[in-house]
Amino acid sequence: MPNETLTPEVTVTLQINGTATQVTCDVRTTLLDLLRERLRLTGTKKGCNRGECGACTVHLDGRRVNACMVLAASADGCAVTTIEGLARNGALHPVQQAFIDADAFQCGFCTPGQIMSAVGCIREGHTGSNDEIREWMSGNICRCSAYPQIAAAVEAAAGEER
């Protein structure tokens, strides 16, 4: 007779930062926990773990999502980009560089999620004004209140993209 106390597992195949990855995990595992605890991609931060702060923002098939709200099993077959996957050939992504140039961080805990959200915000075309940037970045909380610098970094990076 099978042991009914065992939690079912699922094998998930993902394209993480351009690398094919296959992992077996508990069906209840979130994408955030899979990235941080199983794959050791700790740039994605665990903040509230309720989808309220945006510290865990990653791109799932090019769309920004809170990784704490996505079950790893539901991401099967998807492409995931984390903060570790933005830089190319040793060169920072323009948004990463803009955050440095604008001093858009203090403690730095929210920065990976802010940067991932900013990349999405620019890609989505929501950078027409400072107010629009702030509105479309509002799902990412900075407890240090570096919002003016964050908005300036997004605006500068968006200007480079144009």
Protein backbone atom coordinates (compact mmCIF):
# COMPACT_ATOMS: atom_id res chain seq x y z
CA MET A 1 0.00 0.00 0.00
CA PRO A 2 1.50 3.37 -1.00
CA ASN A 3 2.41 5.89 1.65
CA GLU A 4 -0.23 8.63 1.29
CA THR A 5 1.75 11.14 3.38
CA LEU A 6 4.28 11.69 0.59
CA THR A 7 3.87 14.90 -1.33
CA PRO A 8 3.68 14.39 -5.08
CA GLU A 9 6.58 15.61 -7.15
CA VAL A 10 6.71 16.99 -10.66
CA THR A 11 9.54 17.33 -13.15
CA VAL A 12 9.77 20.84 -14.53
CA THR A 13 11.68 21.83 -17.65
CA LEU A 14 12.61 25.50 -17.88
CA GLN A 15 14.88 27.70 -19.96
CA ILE A 16 16.58 29.71 -17.19
CA ASN A 17 18.69 32.63 -18.35
CA GLY A 18 19.14 30.87 -21.67
CA THR A 19 20.09 27.48 -20.21
CA ALA A 20 17.82 24.44 -20.41
CA THR A 21 17.17 23.16 -16.90
CA GLN A 22 15.18 20.17 -15.68
CA VAL A 23 14.35 19.87 -11.99
CA THR A 24 12.13 17.56 -9.97
CA CYS A 25 10.37 19.32 -7.12
CA ASP A 26 7.41 19.15 -4.78
CA VAL A 27 4.20 20.20 -6.60
CA ARG A 28 3.78 23.03 -4.08
CA THR A 29 7.17 24.62 -4.82
CA THR A 30 7.02 28.20 -6.03
CA LEU A 31 9.18 29.45 -8.84
CA LEU A 32 10.90 31.69 -6.28
CA ASP A 33 11.85 28.77 -4.05
CA LEU A 34 12.95 26.70 -7.03
CA LEU A 35 15.24 29.51 -8.20
CA ARG A 36 16.69 30.37 -4.79
CA GLU A 37 16.79 27.08 -2.93
CA ARG A 38 17.18 24.45 -5.63
CA LEU A 39 19.09 26.32 -8.33
CA ARG A 40 20.98 28.75 -6.03
CA LEU A 41 20.02 31.81 -8.10
CA THR A 42 19.79 34.04 -5.05
CA GLY A 43 19.68 37.38 -6.86
CA THR A 44 15.89 37.07 -6.88
CA LYS A 45 14.91 38.12 -3.36
CA LYS A 46 12.26 36.70 -1.06
CA GLY A 47 10.54 39.68 0.52
CA CYS A 48 6.92 39.38 1.62
CA ASN A 49 6.31 35.98 -0.05
CA ARG A 50 2.73 37.17 -0.76
CA GLY A 51 3.12 39.03 -4.05
CA GLU A 52 2.94 42.45 -2.44
CA CYS A 53 6.50 43.83 -2.55
CA GLY A 54 7.95 42.86 -5.95
CA ALA A 55 11.36 41.83 -4.59
CA CYS A 56 10.99 38.51 -6.41
CA THR A 57 10.19 39.95 -9.85
CA VAL A 58 11.47 37.82 -12.74
CA HIS A 59 10.49 37.54 -16.39
CA LEU A 60 8.43 34.52 -17.38
CA ASP A 61 8.28 34.21 -21.16
CA GLY A 62 9.17 37.92 -21.33
CA ARG A 63 6.44 39.03 -18.91
CA ARG A 64 7.28 40.35 -15.44
CA VAL A 65 5.82 38.25 -12.63
CA ASN A 66 6.21 37.86 -8.90
CA ALA A 67 8.00 34.52 -8.63
CA CYS A 68 6.52 33.91 -5.17
CA MET A 69 3.05 33.73 -6.76
CA VAL A 70 3.91 31.26 -9.53
CA LEU A 71 4.05 27.54 -8.94
CA ALA A 72 7.15 26.04 -10.54
CA ALA A 73 4.95 23.35 -12.13
CA SER A 74 2.88 26.00 -13.91
CA ALA A 75 6.06 27.44 -15.45
CA ASP A 76 6.96 24.12 -17.09
CA GLY A 77 8.21 24.75 -20.61
CA CYS A 78 8.66 28.49 -20.05
CA ALA A 79 11.66 30.79 -20.34
CA VAL A 80 12.69 32.47 -17.08
CA THR A 81 15.02 35.43 -16.87
CA THR A 82 16.41 36.43 -13.48
CA ILE A 83 18.64 39.33 -12.50
CA GLU A 84 21.61 37.02 -13.07
CA GLY A 85 20.59 36.65 -16.72
CA LEU A 86 20.45 40.33 -17.69
CA ALA A 87 24.16 41.06 -18.16
CA ARG A 88 25.70 39.83 -21.41
CA ASN A 89 29.36 38.98 -22.01
CA GLY A 90 30.44 40.82 -18.86
CA ALA A 91 28.56 43.99 -19.80
CA LEU A 92 25.75 45.20 -17.57
CA HIS A 93 22.28 45.56 -19.03
CA PRO A 94 21.51 49.27 -19.70
CA VAL A 95 18.97 49.29 -16.85
CA GLN A 96 21.54 47.87 -14.43
CA GLN A 97 23.98 50.58 -15.48
CA ALA A 98 21.29 53.26 -15.19
CA PHE A 99 20.55 52.17 -11.61
CA ILE A 100 24.25 52.56 -10.76
CA ASP A 101 24.51 55.91 -12.53
CA ALA A 102 21.38 57.29 -10.79
CA ASP A 103 22.36 55.82 -7.39
CA ALA A 104 18.94 54.15 -7.46
CA PHE A 105 19.44 51.95 -4.43
CA GLN A 106 20.24 52.26 -0.77
CA CYS A 107 20.14 48.94 1.07
CA GLY A 108 19.89 47.11 -2.29
CA PHE A 109 17.43 44.43 -1.19
CA CYS A 110 14.69 45.51 -3.61
CA THR A 111 17.11 46.39 -6.42
CA PRO A 112 17.00 43.09 -8.37
CA GLY A 113 13.20 43.15 -8.45
CA GLN A 114 13.16 46.86 -9.27
CA ILE A 115 15.56 46.30 -12.17
CA MET A 116 13.60 43.33 -13.54
CA SER A 117 10.39 45.34 -13.30
CA ALA A 118 12.06 48.35 -14.93
CA VAL A 119 13.19 46.23 -17.89
CA GLY A 120 9.60 45.03 -18.27
CA CYS A 121 8.21 48.54 -17.89
CA ILE A 122 10.47 49.80 -20.67
CA ARG A 123 9.67 46.83 -22.92
CA GLU A 124 5.94 47.41 -22.36
CA GLY A 125 6.29 51.08 -23.34
CA HIS A 126 5.19 52.56 -20.01
CA THR A 127 7.87 55.22 -19.74
CA GLY A 128 6.23 58.31 -21.27
CA SER A 129 6.53 60.39 -18.11
CA ASN A 130 7.80 60.22 -14.54
CA ASP A 131 4.21 59.71 -13.34
CA GLU A 132 3.67 56.85 -15.78
CA ILE A 133 6.93 55.18 -14.69
CA ARG A 134 5.94 55.48 -11.03
CA GLU A 135 2.48 54.04 -11.75
CA TRP A 136 3.80 51.03 -13.70
CA MET A 137 6.59 50.42 -11.16
CA SER A 138 4.20 50.70 -8.19
CA GLY A 139 4.17 46.94 -7.61
CA ASN A 140 7.78 47.15 -6.43
CA ILE A 141 8.30 48.53 -2.95
CA CYS A 142 11.51 50.23 -1.80
CA ARG A 143 11.53 50.47 1.97
CA CYS A 144 14.44 52.95 1.80
CA SER A 145 12.35 55.28 -0.39
CA ALA A 146 14.78 55.62 -3.30
CA TYR A 147 11.82 56.20 -5.61
CA PRO A 148 13.08 59.45 -7.18
CA GLN A 149 16.37 57.79 -8.15
CA ILE A 150 14.60 54.62 -9.35
CA ALA A 151 12.26 56.62 -11.60
CA ALA A 152 15.23 58.63 -12.90
CA ALA A 153 17.12 55.41 -13.70
CA VAL A 154 14.13 53.97 -15.57
CA GLU A 155 13.69 57.22 -17.48
CA ALA A 156 17.39 57.31 -18.43
CA ALA A 157 17.43 53.67 -19.53
CA ALA A 158 14.24 54.15 -21.53
CA GLY A 159 15.83 57.13 -23.27
CA GLU A 160 18.80 54.96 -24.26
CA GLU A 161 16.45 52.30 -25.64
CA ARG A 162 14.76 54.87 -27.90
